Amino acid sequence: MIQAMIADWHRRPWWMNFIFYFCVYMTFIYMPFDIFIKPVAEDHEIWFGFALTGWWAKATAPLHWLIYAAGAYGFWKMSSWMWPWAAVYAGQVVIAMFVWNLVNPNGAGWSGAFIAGLVFCLPMVALYRARPDFSA
């Protein structure tokens, strides 16, 4: 079993493993909790930087679940269809982090928006440049 885990770890770049395992966590642990256990009054979903709460959040959570499940499967198999779609989704996260910091009362304003956007540009660019990894 350990050998299989080591072999799986070496299938993709080290940084991509973190994204893969994040997708696995979100698919099998967090999203089922979010959808089936978390009370509607506490539910939040962020889409393009805008927060949805309550029933709107609960209604759109399955789409997030589907995205994370597709990511987990795509990174697990290193499927060719992941390029460029993983980078496109990461680009949406860049936009969301930027916008959220501007429109949310708890956001950090312009400086936070630029910093968050720049930080999340790193995986976006790395995923865009990872085309050869997905064509194996």
N, C-alpha and C. Protein backbone atom coordinates (compact mmCIF):
# COMPACT_ATOMS: atom_id res chain seq x y z
N MET A 1 0.83 -1.20 0.00
CA MET A 1 0.00 0.00 0.00
C MET A 1 0.87 1.26 0.00
N ILE A 2 1.91 1.26 0.80
CA ILE A 2 2.81 2.41 0.85
C ILE A 2 3.47 2.63 -0.51
N GLN A 3 3.86 1.54 -1.17
CA GLN A 3 4.48 1.66 -2.49
C GLN A 3 3.52 2.28 -3.50
N ALA A 4 2.25 1.90 -3.40
CA ALA A 4 1.24 2.46 -4.31
C ALA A 4 1.07 3.96 -4.06
N MET A 5 1.09 4.38 -2.79
CA MET A 5 0.96 5.79 -2.45
C MET A 5 2.17 6.58 -2.95
N ILE A 6 3.35 6.01 -2.81
CA ILE A 6 4.57 6.67 -3.29
C ILE A 6 4.53 6.79 -4.82
N ALA A 7 4.11 5.72 -5.49
CA ALA A 7 4.02 5.75 -6.96
C ALA A 7 3.01 6.80 -7.40
N ASP A 8 1.87 6.88 -6.69
CA ASP A 8 0.87 7.88 -7.04
C ASP A 8 1.41 9.29 -6.84
N TRP A 9 2.15 9.51 -5.77
CA TRP A 9 2.74 10.83 -5.49
C TRP A 9 3.66 11.28 -6.62
N HIS A 10 4.38 10.32 -7.22
CA HIS A 10 5.34 10.65 -8.27
C HIS A 10 4.70 10.79 -9.66
N ARG A 11 3.39 10.57 -9.77
CA ARG A 11 2.71 10.70 -11.06
C ARG A 11 2.56 12.14 -11.51
N ARG A 12 2.62 13.06 -10.57
CA ARG A 12 2.40 14.47 -10.87
C ARG A 12 3.41 15.32 -10.12
N PRO A 13 3.63 16.57 -10.55
CA PRO A 13 4.56 17.45 -9.82
C PRO A 13 4.11 17.62 -8.36
N TRP A 14 5.08 17.90 -7.49
CA TRP A 14 4.78 18.01 -6.05
C TRP A 14 3.67 19.01 -5.77
N TRP A 15 3.70 20.16 -6.44
CA TRP A 15 2.71 21.20 -6.18
C TRP A 15 1.32 20.76 -6.64
N MET A 16 1.27 19.95 -7.71
CA MET A 16 -0.01 19.46 -8.21
C MET A 16 -0.62 18.44 -7.26
N ASN A 17 0.23 17.71 -6.54
CA ASN A 17 -0.28 16.78 -5.53
C ASN A 17 -1.08 17.52 -4.47
N PHE A 18 -0.63 18.69 -4.07
CA PHE A 18 -1.39 19.45 -3.08
C PHE A 18 -2.76 19.84 -3.62
N ILE A 19 -2.84 20.24 -4.88
CA ILE A 19 -4.13 20.58 -5.48
C ILE A 19 -5.00 19.32 -5.59
N PHE A 20 -4.39 18.21 -6.00
CA PHE A 20 -5.12 16.94 -6.10
C PHE A 20 -5.72 16.54 -4.75
N TYR A 21 -4.90 16.54 -3.70
CA TYR A 21 -5.38 16.11 -2.39
C TYR A 21 -6.38 17.11 -1.80
N PHE A 22 -6.26 18.38 -2.16
CA PHE A 22 -7.28 19.36 -1.77
C PHE A 22 -8.62 19.00 -2.42
N CYS A 23 -8.59 18.66 -3.72
CA CYS A 23 -9.81 18.25 -4.41
C CYS A 23 -10.41 16.99 -3.79
N VAL A 24 -9.56 16.04 -3.42
CA VAL A 24 -10.03 14.80 -2.78
C VAL A 24 -10.71 15.14 -1.45
N TYR A 25 -10.06 15.97 -0.64
CA TYR A 25 -10.64 16.38 0.65
C TYR A 25 -12.00 17.06 0.44
N MET A 26 -12.04 18.00 -0.50
CA MET A 26 -13.29 18.72 -0.74
C MET A 26 -14.40 17.79 -1.26
N THR A 27 -14.02 16.81 -2.09
CA THR A 27 -15.00 15.90 -2.67
C THR A 27 -15.57 14.93 -1.64
N PHE A 28 -14.71 14.35 -0.81
CA PHE A 28 -15.16 13.26 0.06
C PHE A 28 -15.42 13.66 1.50
N ILE A 29 -14.92 14.81 1.94
CA ILE A 29 -15.11 15.20 3.34
C ILE A 29 -15.91 16.49 3.46
N TYR A 30 -15.38 17.58 2.91
CA TYR A 30 -16.02 18.87 3.16
C TYR A 30 -17.36 19.05 2.46
N MET A 31 -17.44 18.78 1.17
CA MET A 31 -18.69 19.05 0.44
C MET A 31 -19.85 18.18 0.94
N PRO A 32 -19.66 16.88 1.25
CA PRO A 32 -20.78 16.14 1.85
C PRO A 32 -21.25 16.76 3.17
N PHE A 33 -20.28 17.20 4.00
CA PHE A 33 -20.65 17.89 5.24
C PHE A 33 -21.41 19.17 4.92
N ASP A 34 -20.89 19.95 3.99
CA ASP A 34 -21.48 21.23 3.62
C ASP A 34 -22.91 21.07 3.12
N ILE A 35 -23.13 20.06 2.30
CA ILE A 35 -24.44 19.88 1.68
C ILE A 35 -25.44 19.20 2.62
N PHE A 36 -24.99 18.15 3.32
CA PHE A 36 -25.94 17.32 4.07
C PHE A 36 -26.02 17.62 5.56
N ILE A 37 -25.01 18.25 6.14
CA ILE A 37 -25.00 18.45 7.59
C ILE A 37 -25.07 19.92 7.99
N LYS A 38 -24.32 20.77 7.33
CA LYS A 38 -24.29 22.19 7.71
C LYS A 38 -25.68 22.80 7.57
N PRO A 39 -26.13 23.51 8.61
CA PRO A 39 -27.45 24.15 8.53
C PRO A 39 -27.50 25.20 7.42
N VAL A 40 -28.66 25.34 6.82
CA VAL A 40 -28.85 26.30 5.73
C VAL A 40 -28.47 27.71 6.19
N ALA A 41 -28.78 28.06 7.41
CA ALA A 41 -28.50 29.40 7.93
C ALA A 41 -27.01 29.72 7.97
N GLU A 42 -26.17 28.68 8.02
CA GLU A 42 -24.72 28.89 8.09
C GLU A 42 -24.02 28.68 6.76
N ASP A 43 -24.77 28.33 5.74
CA ASP A 43 -24.16 27.97 4.46
C ASP A 43 -23.72 29.20 3.68
N HIS A 44 -22.52 29.12 3.10
CA HIS A 44 -21.96 30.16 2.24
C HIS A 44 -21.28 29.50 1.05
N GLU A 45 -21.48 30.02 -0.11
CA GLU A 45 -20.76 29.61 -1.31
C GLU A 45 -20.28 30.90 -1.99
N ILE A 46 -19.05 30.86 -2.49
CA ILE A 46 -18.50 32.02 -3.17
C ILE A 46 -18.39 31.70 -4.66
N TRP A 47 -18.99 32.54 -5.48
CA TRP A 47 -18.94 32.41 -6.93
C TRP A 47 -18.45 33.73 -7.52
N PHE A 48 -17.30 33.68 -8.16
CA PHE A 48 -16.70 34.86 -8.78
C PHE A 48 -16.55 36.02 -7.78
N GLY A 49 -16.35 35.66 -6.52
CA GLY A 49 -16.10 36.66 -5.49
C GLY A 49 -17.35 37.13 -4.76
N PHE A 50 -18.51 36.72 -5.20
CA PHE A 50 -19.76 37.13 -4.56
C PHE A 50 -20.27 35.99 -3.69
N ALA A 51 -20.60 36.32 -2.45
CA ALA A 51 -21.04 35.31 -1.49
C ALA A 51 -22.53 35.06 -1.63
N LEU A 52 -22.88 33.79 -1.72
CA LEU A 52 -24.27 33.37 -1.67
C LEU A 52 -24.48 32.74 -0.30
N THR A 53 -25.62 33.00 0.31
CA THR A 53 -25.90 32.45 1.63
C THR A 53 -27.25 31.74 1.61
N GLY A 54 -27.49 30.99 2.67
CA GLY A 54 -28.78 30.33 2.84
C GLY A 54 -29.09 29.34 1.73
N TRP A 55 -30.35 29.38 1.28
CA TRP A 55 -30.79 28.41 0.28
C TRP A 55 -30.08 28.58 -1.07
N TRP A 56 -29.68 29.81 -1.42
CA TRP A 56 -28.93 30.00 -2.67
C TRP A 56 -27.58 29.28 -2.58
N ALA A 57 -26.94 29.35 -1.43
CA ALA A 57 -25.68 28.65 -1.24
C ALA A 57 -25.90 27.14 -1.28
N LYS A 58 -26.92 26.69 -0.60
CA LYS A 58 -27.21 25.24 -0.56
C LYS A 58 -27.53 24.72 -1.96
N ALA A 59 -28.24 25.53 -2.75
CA ALA A 59 -28.62 25.12 -4.10
C ALA A 59 -27.43 25.05 -5.06
N THR A 60 -26.43 25.90 -4.85
CA THR A 60 -25.28 25.90 -5.76
C THR A 60 -24.12 25.03 -5.27
N ALA A 61 -24.19 24.55 -4.04
CA ALA A 61 -23.11 23.71 -3.50
C ALA A 61 -22.87 22.44 -4.34
N PRO A 62 -23.91 21.79 -4.86
CA PRO A 62 -23.63 20.61 -5.68
C PRO A 62 -22.77 20.90 -6.91
N LEU A 63 -22.85 22.11 -7.45
CA LEU A 63 -21.98 22.46 -8.57
C LEU A 63 -20.52 22.51 -8.11
N HIS A 64 -20.27 23.09 -6.94
CA HIS A 64 -18.92 23.06 -6.39
C HIS A 64 -18.46 21.62 -6.18
N TRP A 65 -19.36 20.78 -5.67
CA TRP A 65 -19.03 19.38 -5.42
C TRP A 65 -18.63 18.69 -6.73
N LEU A 66 -19.38 18.95 -7.78
CA LEU A 66 -19.08 18.38 -9.09
C LEU A 66 -17.72 18.86 -9.61
N ILE A 67 -17.43 20.14 -9.43
CA ILE A 67 -16.14 20.69 -9.87
C ILE A 67 -14.98 20.03 -9.12
N TYR A 68 -15.11 19.92 -7.79
CA TYR A 68 -14.04 19.27 -7.02
C TYR A 68 -13.90 17.80 -7.37
N ALA A 69 -15.02 17.12 -7.59
CA ALA A 69 -14.95 15.70 -7.97
C ALA A 69 -14.29 15.54 -9.33
N ALA A 70 -14.62 16.39 -10.28
CA ALA A 70 -13.98 16.34 -11.60
C ALA A 70 -12.48 16.62 -11.46
N GLY A 71 -12.12 17.58 -10.62
CA GLY A 71 -10.71 17.87 -10.39
C GLY A 71 -9.99 16.70 -9.76
N ALA A 72 -10.60 16.08 -8.74
CA ALA A 72 -9.98 14.93 -8.08
C ALA A 72 -9.76 13.79 -9.08
N TYR A 73 -10.78 13.51 -9.88
CA TYR A 73 -10.65 12.44 -10.88
C TYR A 73 -9.61 12.80 -11.94
N GLY A 74 -9.68 14.03 -12.43
CA GLY A 74 -8.75 14.45 -13.48
C GLY A 74 -7.31 14.45 -13.03
N PHE A 75 -7.04 14.92 -11.80
CA PHE A 75 -5.67 14.89 -11.28
C PHE A 75 -5.24 13.46 -10.96
N TRP A 76 -6.16 12.64 -10.48
CA TRP A 76 -5.83 11.24 -10.17
C TRP A 76 -5.38 10.51 -11.43
N LYS A 77 -6.14 10.68 -12.51
CA LYS A 77 -5.82 10.00 -13.77
C LYS A 77 -4.86 10.81 -14.65
N MET A 78 -4.59 12.06 -14.26
CA MET A 78 -3.81 12.99 -15.08
C MET A 78 -4.39 13.06 -16.50
N SER A 79 -5.70 13.21 -16.54
CA SER A 79 -6.46 13.23 -17.79
C SER A 79 -6.10 14.43 -18.65
N SER A 80 -6.04 14.20 -19.94
CA SER A 80 -5.66 15.27 -20.87
C SER A 80 -6.69 16.40 -20.89
N TRP A 81 -7.97 16.11 -20.59
CA TRP A 81 -8.99 17.16 -20.59
C TRP A 81 -8.79 18.16 -19.45
N MET A 82 -7.94 17.85 -18.49
CA MET A 82 -7.69 18.79 -17.39
C MET A 82 -6.97 20.04 -17.88
N TRP A 83 -6.23 19.90 -19.00
CA TRP A 83 -5.58 21.09 -19.56
C TRP A 83 -6.45 21.59 -20.71
N PRO A 84 -6.88 22.79 -20.71
CA PRO A 84 -6.57 23.93 -19.85
C PRO A 84 -7.59 24.18 -18.74
N TRP A 85 -8.56 23.24 -18.53
CA TRP A 85 -9.69 23.53 -17.64
C TRP A 85 -9.28 23.73 -16.19
N ALA A 86 -8.25 23.06 -15.72
CA ALA A 86 -7.79 23.30 -14.35
C ALA A 86 -7.26 24.73 -14.22
N ALA A 87 -6.55 25.20 -15.22
CA ALA A 87 -6.04 26.58 -15.21
C ALA A 87 -7.18 27.58 -15.33
N VAL A 88 -8.19 27.26 -16.11
CA VAL A 88 -9.34 28.16 -16.26
C VAL A 88 -10.06 28.30 -14.92
N TYR A 89 -10.26 27.18 -14.23
CA TYR A 89 -10.92 27.25 -12.92
C TYR A 89 -10.04 28.02 -11.94
N ALA A 90 -8.73 27.79 -11.97
CA ALA A 90 -7.83 28.54 -11.10
C ALA A 90 -7.91 30.04 -11.43
N GLY A 91 -8.09 30.38 -12.69
CA GLY A 91 -8.27 31.78 -13.07
C GLY A 91 -9.54 32.37 -12.47
N GLN A 92 -10.59 31.56 -12.41
CA GLN A 92 -11.83 32.00 -11.76
C GLN A 92 -11.58 32.24 -10.28
N VAL A 93 -10.73 31.43 -9.66
CA VAL A 93 -10.39 31.63 -8.25
C VAL A 93 -9.63 32.94 -8.07
N VAL A 94 -8.74 33.27 -9.00
CA VAL A 94 -8.02 34.54 -8.94
C VAL A 94 -9.02 35.70 -8.97
N ILE A 95 -9.95 35.64 -9.90
CA ILE A 95 -10.98 36.68 -10.00
C ILE A 95 -11.80 36.74 -8.70
N ALA A 96 -12.20 35.56 -8.20
CA ALA A 96 -13.01 35.51 -6.99
C ALA A 96 -12.28 36.11 -5.79
N MET A 97 -11.00 35.79 -5.63
CA MET A 97 -10.24 36.33 -4.51
C MET A 97 -10.10 37.84 -4.62
N PHE A 98 -9.91 38.32 -5.82
CA PHE A 98 -9.79 39.76 -6.05
C PHE A 98 -11.11 40.46 -5.73
N VAL A 99 -12.18 39.98 -6.33
CA VAL A 99 -13.49 40.61 -6.16
C VAL A 99 -13.96 40.50 -4.72
N TRP A 100 -13.80 39.34 -4.10
CA TRP A 100 -14.27 39.15 -2.72
C TRP A 100 -13.65 40.18 -1.78
N ASN A 101 -12.36 40.44 -1.95
CA ASN A 101 -11.69 41.42 -1.08
C ASN A 101 -12.22 42.83 -1.30
N LEU A 102 -12.80 43.10 -2.44
CA LEU A 102 -13.35 44.43 -2.72
C LEU A 102 -14.80 44.58 -2.28
N VAL A 103 -15.61 43.54 -2.46
CA VAL A 103 -17.05 43.68 -2.21
C VAL A 103 -17.49 43.19 -0.84
N ASN A 104 -16.71 42.37 -0.19
CA ASN A 104 -17.09 41.81 1.10
C ASN A 104 -16.68 42.76 2.22
N PRO A 105 -17.55 43.00 3.20
CA PRO A 105 -17.20 43.87 4.32
C PRO A 105 -15.99 43.36 5.12
N ASN A 106 -15.75 42.06 5.09
CA ASN A 106 -14.60 41.48 5.77
C ASN A 106 -13.36 41.43 4.88
N GLY A 107 -13.47 41.88 3.65
CA GLY A 107 -12.35 41.86 2.72
C GLY A 107 -11.28 42.88 3.11
N ALA A 108 -10.14 42.76 2.48
CA ALA A 108 -8.98 43.60 2.83
C ALA A 108 -8.81 44.78 1.87
N GLY A 109 -9.80 45.07 1.06
CA GLY A 109 -9.71 46.22 0.16
C GLY A 109 -8.78 45.96 -1.02
N TRP A 110 -8.36 47.06 -1.65
CA TRP A 110 -7.55 46.97 -2.86
C TRP A 110 -6.24 46.25 -2.62
N SER A 111 -5.55 46.55 -1.52
CA SER A 111 -4.25 45.90 -1.28
C SER A 111 -4.44 44.41 -1.09
N GLY A 112 -5.44 44.02 -0.32
CA GLY A 112 -5.72 42.59 -0.13
C GLY A 112 -6.14 41.92 -1.42
N ALA A 113 -6.89 42.64 -2.22
CA ALA A 113 -7.34 42.08 -3.51
C ALA A 113 -6.15 41.79 -4.40
N PHE A 114 -5.22 42.72 -4.50
CA PHE A 114 -4.04 42.50 -5.35
C PHE A 114 -3.15 41.39 -4.80
N ILE A 115 -2.95 41.37 -3.49
CA ILE A 115 -2.10 40.32 -2.90
C ILE A 115 -2.73 38.94 -3.09
N ALA A 116 -4.02 38.83 -2.77
CA ALA A 116 -4.70 37.54 -2.94
C ALA A 116 -4.70 37.12 -4.41
N GLY A 117 -4.97 38.07 -5.29
CA GLY A 117 -4.95 37.75 -6.72
C GLY A 117 -3.59 37.26 -7.17
N LEU A 118 -2.53 37.92 -6.73
CA LEU A 118 -1.18 37.50 -7.12
C LEU A 118 -0.83 36.13 -6.57
N VAL A 119 -1.20 35.88 -5.32
CA VAL A 119 -0.91 34.57 -4.71
C VAL A 119 -1.59 33.46 -5.49
N PHE A 120 -2.86 33.65 -5.85
CA PHE A 120 -3.58 32.61 -6.57
C PHE A 120 -3.24 32.56 -8.05
N CYS A 121 -2.51 33.55 -8.54
CA CYS A 121 -1.99 33.47 -9.91
C CYS A 121 -0.92 32.39 -10.04
N LEU A 122 -0.22 32.11 -8.96
CA LEU A 122 0.84 31.10 -9.02
C LEU A 122 0.32 29.73 -9.46
N PRO A 123 -0.69 29.15 -8.79
CA PRO A 123 -1.19 27.86 -9.29
C PRO A 123 -1.85 27.97 -10.66
N MET A 124 -2.48 29.12 -10.96
CA MET A 124 -3.09 29.28 -12.27
C MET A 124 -2.04 29.18 -13.38
N VAL A 125 -0.95 29.92 -13.23
CA VAL A 125 0.11 29.89 -14.24
C VAL A 125 0.76 28.51 -14.29
N ALA A 126 1.00 27.92 -13.12
CA ALA A 126 1.62 26.60 -13.08
C ALA A 126 0.74 25.57 -13.78
N LEU A 127 -0.57 25.63 -13.56
CA LEU A 127 -1.48 24.69 -14.23
C LEU A 127 -1.52 24.94 -15.73
N TYR A 128 -1.48 26.19 -16.13
CA TYR A 128 -1.47 26.49 -17.56
C TYR A 128 -0.20 25.95 -18.22
N ARG A 129 0.92 26.04 -17.53
CA ARG A 129 2.19 25.58 -18.09
C ARG A 129 2.38 24.07 -17.97
N ALA A 130 1.45 23.37 -17.33
CA ALA A 130 1.59 21.94 -17.07
C ALA A 130 1.00 21.07 -18.17
N ARG A 131 0.77 21.60 -19.34
CA ARG A 131 0.19 20.81 -20.43
C ARG A 131 0.90 19.48 -20.65
N PRO A 132 2.23 19.43 -20.68
CA PRO A 132 2.89 18.14 -20.90
C PRO A 132 2.58 17.10 -19.83
N ASP A 133 2.33 17.55 -18.61
CA ASP A 133 2.03 16.61 -17.53
C ASP A 133 0.68 15.93 -17.76
N PHE A 134 -0.26 16.63 -18.38
CA PHE A 134 -1.59 16.09 -18.60
C PHE A 134 -1.70 15.26 -19.87
N SER A 135 -0.72 15.31 -20.72
CA SER A 135 -0.81 14.55 -21.97
C SER A 135 -0.10 13.20 -21.88
N ALA A 136 0.38 12.87 -20.69
CA ALA A 136 1.09 11.59 -20.50
C ALA A 136 0.11 10.43 -20.54
